[in-house]
Amino acid sequence: MFTGLIQDLGSIKSIERGSESAIFTVSTSLSPSIHEGDSISVNGVCLTATSVASGSFTADVMVQTLKLTSLKSIQEESPVNLELATTMGTRLGGHMVQGHIDGVGKVISTEPTEKWWKFVVEVPKHLLRYIVNQGSIAIDGVSLTVGELDDASQSVTLWLIPETLTRTNLSAKKVSDEVNIEVDVIAKYVERLIERKGAE
């Protein structure tokens, strides 16, 4: 499990693409803290480190992950948001993030203001029911608060502070760029419980 608080802005060092999988090598300053088998959030996607070197780690990316996330179109040298799995003694400063992507959204607009950066993302229609104003959402693994929700345009407006822009790759996003979206897992559990209760 993760918190959505990004620990390093790494980059894709190399990609080896196969017919049904890919091998990513990621450059990061976190490598001294990474061991083989560790879970690492890469742009919000939970990957497993298969090998670790000085300044980098390698992870296998399966076909299903490539199919369901924006990692399918990522290129070498792209900046990526990185977070190590949380520990029981870690302050949960963000929210509960599993690293299991629910869908891929698209950046509709970005607009800098004096103190904030307005960031609007189009969300897949089936995910809108899990999103509420002032609720939590993870965009490319970054824990953010929903500023505005527009069901008609299927959009979520987020207000990014300078700290977020400095520490993550969201400042590099352009209109039409894809982003990984993970909604609040609690909402999904509640929906499932209600469905089961109705069925019984």
N, C-alpha and C. Protein backbone atom coordinates (compact mmCIF):
# COMPACT_ATOMS: atom_id res chain seq x y z
N MET A 1 0.84 -1.18 0.00
CA MET A 1 0.00 0.00 0.00
C MET A 1 0.88 1.24 0.00
N PHE A 2 0.34 2.33 -0.58
CA PHE A 2 1.07 3.58 -0.70
C PHE A 2 0.23 4.71 -0.11
N THR A 3 0.82 5.89 -0.04
CA THR A 3 0.10 7.04 0.50
C THR A 3 -0.20 8.10 -0.55
N GLY A 4 0.44 8.00 -1.72
CA GLY A 4 0.26 9.01 -2.75
C GLY A 4 1.14 10.22 -2.56
N LEU A 5 2.09 10.13 -1.61
CA LEU A 5 3.07 11.20 -1.42
C LEU A 5 4.36 10.79 -2.14
N ILE A 6 4.66 11.46 -3.22
CA ILE A 6 5.77 11.07 -4.09
C ILE A 6 7.11 11.31 -3.40
N GLN A 7 7.97 10.29 -3.47
CA GLN A 7 9.27 10.37 -2.80
C GLN A 7 10.41 10.73 -3.73
N ASP A 8 10.22 10.50 -5.03
CA ASP A 8 11.27 10.85 -5.98
C ASP A 8 10.68 11.01 -7.36
N LEU A 9 11.22 11.95 -8.10
CA LEU A 9 10.86 12.11 -9.51
C LEU A 9 11.98 11.44 -10.30
N GLY A 10 11.72 10.19 -10.69
CA GLY A 10 12.70 9.42 -11.44
C GLY A 10 12.49 9.56 -12.93
N SER A 11 13.14 8.69 -13.70
CA SER A 11 12.96 8.71 -15.15
C SER A 11 13.14 7.31 -15.72
N ILE A 12 12.54 7.09 -16.87
CA ILE A 12 12.66 5.79 -17.53
C ILE A 12 14.01 5.73 -18.22
N LYS A 13 14.87 4.85 -17.75
CA LYS A 13 16.22 4.72 -18.30
C LYS A 13 16.21 3.91 -19.58
N SER A 14 15.46 2.81 -19.58
CA SER A 14 15.36 1.98 -20.79
C SER A 14 14.09 1.15 -20.74
N ILE A 15 13.62 0.74 -21.92
CA ILE A 15 12.45 -0.11 -22.05
C ILE A 15 12.76 -1.22 -23.04
N GLU A 16 12.56 -2.45 -22.61
CA GLU A 16 12.66 -3.60 -23.51
C GLU A 16 11.25 -4.15 -23.71
N ARG A 17 10.71 -3.97 -24.89
CA ARG A 17 9.34 -4.39 -25.15
C ARG A 17 9.31 -5.77 -25.80
N GLY A 18 8.45 -6.64 -25.25
CA GLY A 18 8.23 -7.95 -25.81
C GLY A 18 6.83 -8.04 -26.38
N SER A 19 6.43 -9.20 -26.83
CA SER A 19 5.10 -9.35 -27.42
C SER A 19 4.00 -9.26 -26.37
N GLU A 20 4.28 -9.68 -25.13
CA GLU A 20 3.25 -9.67 -24.10
C GLU A 20 3.72 -9.04 -22.80
N SER A 21 4.84 -8.36 -22.83
CA SER A 21 5.34 -7.75 -21.61
C SER A 21 6.43 -6.74 -21.96
N ALA A 22 6.92 -6.08 -20.93
CA ALA A 22 8.02 -5.15 -21.13
C ALA A 22 8.88 -5.14 -19.87
N ILE A 23 10.12 -4.77 -20.02
CA ILE A 23 11.02 -4.63 -18.89
C ILE A 23 11.44 -3.17 -18.81
N PHE A 24 11.11 -2.55 -17.69
CA PHE A 24 11.45 -1.14 -17.48
C PHE A 24 12.65 -1.04 -16.55
N THR A 25 13.61 -0.22 -16.91
CA THR A 25 14.68 0.16 -15.98
C THR A 25 14.47 1.63 -15.64
N VAL A 26 14.37 1.89 -14.34
CA VAL A 26 14.01 3.22 -13.87
C VAL A 26 15.15 3.83 -13.07
N SER A 27 15.56 5.03 -13.44
CA SER A 27 16.60 5.75 -12.70
C SER A 27 15.96 6.44 -11.50
N THR A 28 16.60 6.31 -10.33
CA THR A 28 16.04 6.92 -9.13
C THR A 28 17.10 7.06 -8.03
N SER A 29 16.94 8.08 -7.23
CA SER A 29 17.82 8.25 -6.07
C SER A 29 17.41 7.34 -4.92
N LEU A 30 16.27 6.64 -5.08
CA LEU A 30 15.76 5.76 -4.02
C LEU A 30 16.43 4.38 -4.03
N SER A 31 17.29 4.12 -5.00
CA SER A 31 17.83 2.75 -5.16
C SER A 31 18.49 2.19 -3.90
N PRO A 32 19.17 3.00 -3.05
CA PRO A 32 19.76 2.41 -1.84
C PRO A 32 18.72 1.82 -0.88
N SER A 33 17.47 2.28 -1.00
CA SER A 33 16.40 1.79 -0.11
C SER A 33 15.57 0.68 -0.75
N ILE A 34 15.90 0.29 -1.99
CA ILE A 34 15.11 -0.70 -2.72
C ILE A 34 15.82 -2.05 -2.69
N HIS A 35 15.04 -3.11 -2.49
CA HIS A 35 15.56 -4.47 -2.54
C HIS A 35 14.74 -5.27 -3.54
N GLU A 36 15.32 -6.32 -4.06
CA GLU A 36 14.59 -7.18 -4.99
C GLU A 36 13.31 -7.69 -4.32
N GLY A 37 12.21 -7.61 -5.05
CA GLY A 37 10.92 -8.04 -4.52
C GLY A 37 10.10 -6.93 -3.91
N ASP A 38 10.70 -5.75 -3.74
CA ASP A 38 9.96 -4.63 -3.17
C ASP A 38 8.91 -4.11 -4.14
N SER A 39 7.80 -3.64 -3.57
CA SER A 39 6.76 -2.98 -4.37
C SER A 39 7.08 -1.50 -4.49
N ILE A 40 6.97 -0.98 -5.70
CA ILE A 40 7.26 0.43 -5.96
C ILE A 40 6.16 0.99 -6.85
N SER A 41 5.64 2.13 -6.48
CA SER A 41 4.64 2.80 -7.31
C SER A 41 5.34 3.63 -8.37
N VAL A 42 5.04 3.32 -9.64
CA VAL A 42 5.61 4.05 -10.78
C VAL A 42 4.45 4.71 -11.52
N ASN A 43 4.34 6.01 -11.41
CA ASN A 43 3.19 6.73 -11.96
C ASN A 43 1.88 6.11 -11.47
N GLY A 44 1.90 5.67 -10.21
CA GLY A 44 0.69 5.12 -9.60
C GLY A 44 0.49 3.64 -9.82
N VAL A 45 1.34 3.01 -10.60
CA VAL A 45 1.22 1.58 -10.89
C VAL A 45 2.15 0.79 -9.96
N CYS A 46 1.61 -0.15 -9.24
CA CYS A 46 2.43 -0.97 -8.34
C CYS A 46 3.23 -1.98 -9.15
N LEU A 47 4.56 -1.83 -9.14
CA LEU A 47 5.46 -2.75 -9.83
C LEU A 47 6.39 -3.40 -8.81
N THR A 48 6.97 -4.53 -9.18
CA THR A 48 7.89 -5.24 -8.31
C THR A 48 9.31 -5.14 -8.84
N ALA A 49 10.23 -4.72 -7.99
CA ALA A 49 11.63 -4.62 -8.40
C ALA A 49 12.22 -6.01 -8.59
N THR A 50 12.69 -6.29 -9.79
CA THR A 50 13.29 -7.60 -10.07
C THR A 50 14.80 -7.58 -9.92
N SER A 51 15.38 -6.40 -10.05
CA SER A 51 16.82 -6.23 -9.80
C SER A 51 17.07 -4.78 -9.44
N VAL A 52 18.16 -4.57 -8.70
CA VAL A 52 18.50 -3.22 -8.24
C VAL A 52 19.97 -2.95 -8.51
N ALA A 53 20.25 -1.79 -9.05
CA ALA A 53 21.63 -1.37 -9.29
C ALA A 53 21.82 0.00 -8.67
N SER A 54 23.03 0.49 -8.68
CA SER A 54 23.29 1.82 -8.15
C SER A 54 22.59 2.86 -9.02
N GLY A 55 21.61 3.53 -8.46
CA GLY A 55 20.91 4.57 -9.20
C GLY A 55 19.74 4.12 -10.04
N SER A 56 19.37 2.82 -9.95
CA SER A 56 18.24 2.36 -10.77
C SER A 56 17.68 1.03 -10.26
N PHE A 57 16.51 0.68 -10.75
CA PHE A 57 15.93 -0.65 -10.52
C PHE A 57 15.21 -1.09 -11.79
N THR A 58 14.99 -2.38 -11.88
CA THR A 58 14.31 -2.95 -13.05
C THR A 58 13.03 -3.65 -12.60
N ALA A 59 12.00 -3.56 -13.44
CA ALA A 59 10.72 -4.20 -13.13
C ALA A 59 10.10 -4.76 -14.39
N ASP A 60 9.44 -5.92 -14.26
CA ASP A 60 8.68 -6.49 -15.35
C ASP A 60 7.29 -5.87 -15.37
N VAL A 61 6.81 -5.54 -16.56
CA VAL A 61 5.47 -4.98 -16.71
C VAL A 61 4.67 -5.93 -17.59
N MET A 62 3.64 -6.54 -17.00
CA MET A 62 2.86 -7.55 -17.71
C MET A 62 1.90 -6.93 -18.73
N VAL A 63 1.39 -7.75 -19.63
CA VAL A 63 0.54 -7.29 -20.71
C VAL A 63 -0.72 -6.61 -20.19
N GLN A 64 -1.30 -7.14 -19.10
CA GLN A 64 -2.52 -6.56 -18.55
C GLN A 64 -2.25 -5.15 -18.01
N THR A 65 -1.10 -4.97 -17.39
CA THR A 65 -0.73 -3.65 -16.88
C THR A 65 -0.53 -2.66 -18.03
N LEU A 66 0.12 -3.11 -19.08
CA LEU A 66 0.33 -2.26 -20.25
C LEU A 66 -1.01 -1.90 -20.90
N LYS A 67 -1.92 -2.84 -20.89
CA LYS A 67 -3.22 -2.63 -21.52
C LYS A 67 -4.07 -1.62 -20.75
N LEU A 68 -4.00 -1.67 -19.41
CA LEU A 68 -4.92 -0.90 -18.58
C LEU A 68 -4.37 0.42 -18.05
N THR A 69 -3.09 0.70 -18.30
CA THR A 69 -2.50 1.93 -17.75
C THR A 69 -1.79 2.74 -18.84
N SER A 70 -1.35 3.92 -18.45
CA SER A 70 -0.65 4.79 -19.41
C SER A 70 0.79 4.35 -19.64
N LEU A 71 1.25 3.32 -18.91
CA LEU A 71 2.61 2.83 -19.13
C LEU A 71 2.80 2.26 -20.53
N LYS A 72 1.69 1.93 -21.20
CA LYS A 72 1.79 1.38 -22.55
C LYS A 72 2.40 2.36 -23.54
N SER A 73 2.25 3.66 -23.26
CA SER A 73 2.74 4.66 -24.21
C SER A 73 3.91 5.47 -23.68
N ILE A 74 4.43 5.09 -22.51
CA ILE A 74 5.53 5.85 -21.94
C ILE A 74 6.81 5.62 -22.74
N GLN A 75 7.67 6.63 -22.77
CA GLN A 75 8.89 6.57 -23.57
C GLN A 75 10.12 6.67 -22.68
N GLU A 76 11.25 6.26 -23.21
CA GLU A 76 12.51 6.42 -22.47
C GLU A 76 12.76 7.89 -22.18
N GLU A 77 13.32 8.15 -21.02
CA GLU A 77 13.63 9.47 -20.48
C GLU A 77 12.41 10.21 -19.94
N SER A 78 11.23 9.58 -20.02
CA SER A 78 10.04 10.22 -19.44
C SER A 78 10.18 10.31 -17.93
N PRO A 79 9.77 11.43 -17.31
CA PRO A 79 9.80 11.52 -15.85
C PRO A 79 8.68 10.68 -15.26
N VAL A 80 8.95 10.02 -14.14
CA VAL A 80 7.94 9.18 -13.49
C VAL A 80 7.91 9.46 -11.99
N ASN A 81 6.71 9.45 -11.43
CA ASN A 81 6.53 9.62 -10.00
C ASN A 81 6.80 8.29 -9.30
N LEU A 82 7.62 8.32 -8.25
CA LEU A 82 8.00 7.10 -7.55
C LEU A 82 7.68 7.19 -6.06
N GLU A 83 7.18 6.08 -5.53
CA GLU A 83 6.94 5.97 -4.09
C GLU A 83 7.18 4.54 -3.65
N LEU A 84 7.92 4.38 -2.56
CA LEU A 84 8.11 3.06 -1.97
C LEU A 84 6.87 2.71 -1.15
N ALA A 85 6.65 1.42 -0.97
CA ALA A 85 5.50 0.97 -0.17
C ALA A 85 5.61 1.54 1.24
N THR A 86 4.45 1.90 1.80
CA THR A 86 4.43 2.48 3.14
C THR A 86 4.69 1.41 4.20
N THR A 87 5.12 1.84 5.36
CA THR A 87 5.34 0.93 6.49
C THR A 87 4.35 1.28 7.59
N MET A 88 4.21 0.39 8.56
CA MET A 88 3.24 0.61 9.63
C MET A 88 3.58 1.85 10.46
N GLY A 89 4.84 2.25 10.48
CA GLY A 89 5.24 3.41 11.26
C GLY A 89 5.23 4.71 10.50
N THR A 90 4.74 4.68 9.24
CA THR A 90 4.74 5.87 8.39
C THR A 90 3.48 6.71 8.62
N ARG A 91 3.64 8.01 8.69
CA ARG A 91 2.46 8.88 8.76
C ARG A 91 1.70 8.81 7.45
N LEU A 92 0.40 8.62 7.53
CA LEU A 92 -0.44 8.53 6.33
C LEU A 92 -0.85 9.93 5.93
N GLY A 93 0.09 10.66 5.34
CA GLY A 93 -0.16 12.05 5.00
C GLY A 93 -1.04 12.23 3.78
N GLY A 94 -1.11 11.22 2.91
CA GLY A 94 -1.97 11.30 1.73
C GLY A 94 -3.27 10.56 1.98
N HIS A 95 -3.49 9.47 1.25
CA HIS A 95 -4.63 8.59 1.52
C HIS A 95 -4.24 7.18 1.09
N MET A 96 -5.12 6.22 1.34
CA MET A 96 -4.81 4.83 1.01
C MET A 96 -4.79 4.63 -0.50
N VAL A 97 -3.62 4.32 -1.03
CA VAL A 97 -3.44 4.10 -2.46
C VAL A 97 -2.87 2.70 -2.66
N GLN A 98 -3.52 1.90 -3.49
CA GLN A 98 -3.11 0.52 -3.67
C GLN A 98 -2.11 0.31 -4.80
N GLY A 99 -2.09 1.24 -5.74
CA GLY A 99 -1.25 1.03 -6.91
C GLY A 99 -1.94 0.17 -7.95
N HIS A 100 -3.26 0.00 -7.80
CA HIS A 100 -4.07 -0.76 -8.76
C HIS A 100 -4.90 0.24 -9.55
N ILE A 101 -4.51 0.50 -10.77
CA ILE A 101 -5.12 1.56 -11.57
C ILE A 101 -6.54 1.18 -11.99
N ASP A 102 -7.47 2.13 -11.80
CA ASP A 102 -8.87 1.89 -12.15
C ASP A 102 -9.20 2.32 -13.57
N GLY A 103 -8.40 3.21 -14.13
CA GLY A 103 -8.66 3.67 -15.48
C GLY A 103 -7.64 4.72 -15.90
N VAL A 104 -7.68 5.05 -17.17
CA VAL A 104 -6.76 6.05 -17.72
C VAL A 104 -7.57 7.27 -18.11
N GLY A 105 -7.16 8.43 -17.58
CA GLY A 105 -7.82 9.68 -17.92
C GLY A 105 -6.99 10.49 -18.89
N LYS A 106 -7.49 11.67 -19.22
CA LYS A 106 -6.80 12.52 -20.18
C LYS A 106 -6.82 13.96 -19.68
N VAL A 107 -5.69 14.62 -19.80
CA VAL A 107 -5.60 16.02 -19.38
C VAL A 107 -6.40 16.89 -20.35
N ILE A 108 -7.36 17.64 -19.80
CA ILE A 108 -8.18 18.53 -20.62
C ILE A 108 -7.56 19.91 -20.70
N SER A 109 -7.09 20.40 -19.56
CA SER A 109 -6.48 21.73 -19.55
C SER A 109 -5.58 21.91 -18.34
N THR A 110 -4.61 22.79 -18.47
CA THR A 110 -3.75 23.20 -17.36
C THR A 110 -3.67 24.72 -17.40
N GLU A 111 -3.79 25.33 -16.24
CA GLU A 111 -3.81 26.79 -16.21
C GLU A 111 -3.09 27.30 -14.97
N PRO A 112 -1.93 27.93 -15.14
CA PRO A 112 -1.22 28.47 -13.98
C PRO A 112 -1.91 29.72 -13.45
N THR A 113 -1.98 29.86 -12.12
CA THR A 113 -2.46 31.08 -11.50
C THR A 113 -1.36 31.59 -10.58
N GLU A 114 -1.65 32.60 -9.79
CA GLU A 114 -0.61 33.21 -8.97
C GLU A 114 -0.03 32.23 -7.96
N LYS A 115 -0.88 31.43 -7.33
CA LYS A 115 -0.41 30.53 -6.27
C LYS A 115 -0.69 29.05 -6.56
N TRP A 116 -1.53 28.77 -7.51
CA TRP A 116 -1.96 27.41 -7.78
C TRP A 116 -1.82 27.09 -9.25
N TRP A 117 -1.99 25.82 -9.56
CA TRP A 117 -2.03 25.39 -10.96
C TRP A 117 -3.34 24.63 -11.15
N LYS A 118 -4.21 25.15 -11.97
CA LYS A 118 -5.49 24.49 -12.23
C LYS A 118 -5.26 23.36 -13.21
N PHE A 119 -5.68 22.16 -12.83
CA PHE A 119 -5.38 20.95 -13.60
C PHE A 119 -6.70 20.19 -13.77
N VAL A 120 -7.17 20.09 -15.00
CA VAL A 120 -8.47 19.46 -15.27
C VAL A 120 -8.26 18.16 -16.04
N VAL A 121 -8.86 17.09 -15.53
CA VAL A 121 -8.67 15.75 -16.11
C VAL A 121 -10.02 15.14 -16.48
N GLU A 122 -10.11 14.61 -17.68
CA GLU A 122 -11.29 13.85 -18.09
C GLU A 122 -11.17 12.44 -17.52
N VAL A 123 -12.24 11.98 -16.87
CA VAL A 123 -12.24 10.70 -16.18
C VAL A 123 -13.18 9.73 -16.90
N PRO A 124 -12.80 8.45 -17.02
CA PRO A 124 -13.73 7.47 -17.61
C PRO A 124 -15.08 7.49 -16.89
N LYS A 125 -16.15 7.40 -17.65
CA LYS A 125 -17.49 7.57 -17.10
C LYS A 125 -17.78 6.61 -15.96
N HIS A 126 -17.30 5.38 -16.04
CA HIS A 126 -17.64 4.39 -15.03
C HIS A 126 -16.97 4.67 -13.67
N LEU A 127 -16.03 5.60 -13.64
CA LEU A 127 -15.35 5.92 -12.38
C LEU A 127 -15.97 7.11 -11.66
N LEU A 128 -16.83 7.86 -12.34
CA LEU A 128 -17.39 9.08 -11.75
C LEU A 128 -18.15 8.80 -10.46
N ARG A 129 -18.80 7.65 -10.36
CA ARG A 129 -19.61 7.36 -9.18
C ARG A 129 -18.77 7.18 -7.91
N TYR A 130 -17.47 6.98 -8.07
CA TYR A 130 -16.60 6.80 -6.91
C TYR A 130 -15.92 8.10 -6.48
N ILE A 131 -16.19 9.19 -7.19
CA ILE A 131 -15.50 10.45 -6.93
C ILE A 131 -16.47 11.46 -6.34
N VAL A 132 -16.03 12.17 -5.30
CA VAL A 132 -16.86 13.19 -4.67
C VAL A 132 -16.03 14.46 -4.48
N ASN A 133 -16.72 15.59 -4.45
CA ASN A 133 -16.03 16.85 -4.17
C ASN A 133 -15.34 16.79 -2.82
N GLN A 134 -14.13 17.27 -2.76
CA GLN A 134 -13.28 17.27 -1.56
C GLN A 134 -12.82 15.87 -1.17
N GLY A 135 -13.09 14.89 -2.01
CA GLY A 135 -12.62 13.53 -1.75
C GLY A 135 -11.22 13.33 -2.30
N SER A 136 -10.69 12.14 -2.08
CA SER A 136 -9.33 11.83 -2.52
C SER A 136 -9.32 11.10 -3.86
N ILE A 137 -8.29 11.38 -4.64
CA ILE A 137 -8.07 10.69 -5.90
C ILE A 137 -6.56 10.65 -6.14
N ALA A 138 -6.08 9.61 -6.80
CA ALA A 138 -4.66 9.51 -7.14
C ALA A 138 -4.51 9.67 -8.65
N ILE A 139 -3.72 10.65 -9.05
CA ILE A 139 -3.43 10.90 -10.46
C ILE A 139 -1.95 10.62 -10.68
N ASP A 140 -1.65 9.60 -11.50
CA ASP A 140 -0.25 9.17 -11.69
C ASP A 140 0.44 8.91 -10.36
N GLY A 141 -0.34 8.39 -9.40
CA GLY A 141 0.22 8.03 -8.10
C GLY A 141 0.29 9.16 -7.10
N VAL A 142 -0.15 10.36 -7.49
CA VAL A 142 -0.11 11.52 -6.60
C VAL A 142 -1.44 11.65 -5.87
N SER A 143 -1.40 11.67 -4.55
CA SER A 143 -2.62 11.85 -3.76
C SER A 143 -3.07 13.30 -3.86
N LEU A 144 -4.30 13.51 -4.38
CA LEU A 144 -4.83 14.85 -4.58
C LEU A 144 -6.26 14.94 -4.06
N THR A 145 -6.69 16.15 -3.80
CA THR A 145 -8.06 16.41 -3.36
C THR A 145 -8.87 16.94 -4.52
N VAL A 146 -10.06 16.39 -4.71
CA VAL A 146 -10.94 16.83 -5.80
C VAL A 146 -11.45 18.23 -5.48
N GLY A 147 -11.16 19.17 -6.36
CA GLY A 147 -11.62 20.54 -6.17
C GLY A 147 -13.02 20.75 -6.72
N GLU A 148 -13.24 20.26 -7.93
CA GLU A 148 -14.55 20.35 -8.58
C GLU A 148 -14.80 19.07 -9.36
N LEU A 149 -16.07 18.69 -9.42
CA LEU A 149 -16.48 17.49 -10.16
C LEU A 149 -17.61 17.87 -11.08
N ASP A 150 -17.46 17.58 -12.37
CA ASP A 150 -18.48 17.90 -13.37
C ASP A 150 -18.88 16.62 -14.08
N ASP A 151 -20.04 16.07 -13.72
CA ASP A 151 -20.50 14.82 -14.33
C ASP A 151 -20.79 14.99 -15.82
N ALA A 152 -21.28 16.16 -16.20
CA ALA A 152 -21.65 16.38 -17.60
C ALA A 152 -20.45 16.27 -18.53
N SER A 153 -19.34 16.84 -18.10
CA SER A 153 -18.13 16.80 -18.95
C SER A 153 -17.19 15.67 -18.54
N GLN A 154 -17.60 14.88 -17.53
CA GLN A 154 -16.78 13.78 -17.01
C GLN A 154 -15.40 14.28 -16.59
N SER A 155 -15.38 15.44 -15.93
CA SER A 155 -14.10 16.03 -15.58
C SER A 155 -13.94 16.28 -14.10
N VAL A 156 -12.69 16.23 -13.67
CA VAL A 156 -12.31 16.53 -12.30
C VAL A 156 -11.32 17.69 -12.34
N THR A 157 -11.55 18.71 -11.54
CA THR A 157 -10.63 19.83 -11.44
C THR A 157 -9.82 19.71 -10.16
N LEU A 158 -8.51 19.85 -10.31
CA LEU A 158 -7.59 19.73 -9.19
C LEU A 158 -6.76 21.00 -9.12
N TRP A 159 -6.43 21.43 -7.90
CA TRP A 159 -5.62 22.62 -7.73
C TRP A 159 -4.29 22.18 -7.16
N LEU A 160 -3.22 22.33 -7.94
CA LEU A 160 -1.91 21.83 -7.56
C LEU A 160 -1.08 22.95 -6.93
N ILE A 161 -0.50 22.64 -5.78
CA ILE A 161 0.35 23.62 -5.10
C ILE A 161 1.76 23.53 -5.68
N PRO A 162 2.57 24.57 -5.48
CA PRO A 162 3.95 24.56 -6.01
C PRO A 162 4.75 23.34 -5.57
N GLU A 163 4.55 22.87 -4.34
CA GLU A 163 5.29 21.71 -3.86
C GLU A 163 4.99 20.48 -4.71
N THR A 164 3.73 20.30 -5.07
CA THR A 164 3.34 19.16 -5.91
C THR A 164 3.95 19.27 -7.30
N LEU A 165 3.95 20.47 -7.84
CA LEU A 165 4.51 20.69 -9.17
C LEU A 165 6.01 20.44 -9.19
N THR A 166 6.69 20.79 -8.11
CA THR A 166 8.13 20.62 -8.04
C THR A 166 8.53 19.16 -7.88
N ARG A 167 7.76 18.41 -7.10
CA ARG A 167 8.15 17.05 -6.72
C ARG A 167 7.57 15.95 -7.62
N THR A 168 6.68 16.30 -8.54
CA THR A 168 6.05 15.28 -9.38
C THR A 168 6.17 15.64 -10.86
N ASN A 169 5.70 14.72 -11.70
CA ASN A 169 5.76 14.97 -13.15
C ASN A 169 4.51 15.67 -13.67
N LEU A 170 3.59 16.06 -12.78
CA LEU A 170 2.35 16.68 -13.24
C LEU A 170 2.61 18.04 -13.91
N SER A 171 3.69 18.71 -13.53
CA SER A 171 4.01 19.99 -14.13
C SER A 171 4.40 19.85 -15.60
N ALA A 172 4.78 18.63 -16.00
CA ALA A 172 5.21 18.40 -17.38
C ALA A 172 4.06 17.92 -18.27
N LYS A 173 2.89 17.69 -17.66
CA LYS A 173 1.77 17.17 -18.44
C LYS A 173 1.22 18.24 -19.38
N LYS A 174 0.82 17.78 -20.56
CA LYS A 174 0.23 18.66 -21.57
C LYS A 174 -1.18 18.20 -21.88
N VAL A 175 -1.94 19.07 -22.51
CA VAL A 175 -3.30 18.72 -22.92
C VAL A 175 -3.27 17.47 -23.80
N SER A 176 -4.17 16.54 -23.52
CA SER A 176 -4.34 15.25 -24.21
C SER A 176 -3.40 14.17 -23.67
N ASP A 177 -2.47 14.50 -22.76
CA ASP A 177 -1.64 13.46 -22.15
C ASP A 177 -2.50 12.53 -21.31
N GLU A 178 -2.13 11.26 -21.31
CA GLU A 178 -2.84 10.28 -20.50
C GLU A 178 -2.27 10.25 -19.08
N VAL A 179 -3.16 10.01 -18.11
CA VAL A 179 -2.75 9.87 -16.72
C VAL A 179 -3.46 8.68 -16.10
N ASN A 180 -2.76 8.00 -15.19
CA ASN A 180 -3.36 6.88 -14.48
C ASN A 180 -4.23 7.38 -13.34
N ILE A 181 -5.40 6.78 -13.19
CA ILE A 181 -6.35 7.20 -12.16
C ILE A 181 -6.66 6.04 -11.23
N GLU A 182 -6.56 6.30 -9.93
CA GLU A 182 -7.02 5.34 -8.92
C GLU A 182 -7.98 6.07 -8.00
N VAL A 183 -9.21 5.58 -7.93
CA VAL A 183 -10.21 6.20 -7.06
C VAL A 183 -10.08 5.64 -5.65
N ASP A 184 -10.82 6.23 -4.73
CA ASP A 184 -10.77 5.82 -3.33
C ASP A 184 -11.30 4.39 -3.18
N VAL A 185 -10.48 3.49 -2.65
CA VAL A 185 -10.86 2.08 -2.54
C VAL A 185 -12.04 1.89 -1.60
N ILE A 186 -12.20 2.76 -0.62
CA ILE A 186 -13.32 2.62 0.33
C ILE A 186 -14.66 2.71 -0.40
N ALA A 187 -14.75 3.60 -1.38
CA ALA A 187 -16.00 3.74 -2.15
C ALA A 187 -16.34 2.45 -2.87
N LYS A 188 -15.33 1.77 -3.37
CA LYS A 188 -15.58 0.51 -4.10
C LYS A 188 -16.04 -0.59 -3.15
N TYR A 189 -15.47 -0.62 -1.96
CA TYR A 189 -15.90 -1.61 -0.97
C TYR A 189 -17.35 -1.36 -0.55
N VAL A 190 -17.70 -0.11 -0.33
CA VAL A 190 -19.07 0.24 0.07
C VAL A 190 -20.05 -0.18 -1.02
N GLU A 191 -19.72 0.10 -2.27
CA GLU A 191 -20.59 -0.28 -3.38
C GLU A 191 -20.79 -1.80 -3.42
N ARG A 192 -19.72 -2.54 -3.23
CA ARG A 192 -19.80 -4.00 -3.26
C ARG A 192 -20.67 -4.53 -2.12
N LEU A 193 -20.53 -3.96 -0.94
CA LEU A 193 -21.32 -4.40 0.21
C LEU A 193 -22.82 -4.12 -0.02
N ILE A 194 -23.12 -2.96 -0.60
CA ILE A 194 -24.52 -2.62 -0.87
C ILE A 194 -25.10 -3.57 -1.93
N GLU A 195 -24.31 -3.86 -2.96
CA GLU A 195 -24.77 -4.78 -4.00
C GLU A 195 -25.05 -6.15 -3.43
N ARG A 196 -24.18 -6.65 -2.57
CA ARG A 196 -24.35 -7.97 -1.97
C ARG A 196 -25.56 -8.01 -1.04
N LYS A 197 -25.74 -6.92 -0.29
CA LYS A 197 -26.87 -6.87 0.62
C LYS A 197 -28.18 -6.88 -0.16
N GLY A 198 -28.22 -6.15 -1.28
CA GLY A 198 -29.41 -6.14 -2.12
C GLY A 198 -29.69 -7.51 -2.72
N ALA A 199 -28.64 -8.22 -3.10
CA ALA A 199 -28.80 -9.54 -3.71
C ALA A 199 -29.33 -10.57 -2.71
N GLU A 200 -28.96 -10.38 -1.43
CA GLU A 200 -29.38 -11.33 -0.40
C GLU A 200 -30.80 -11.07 0.05
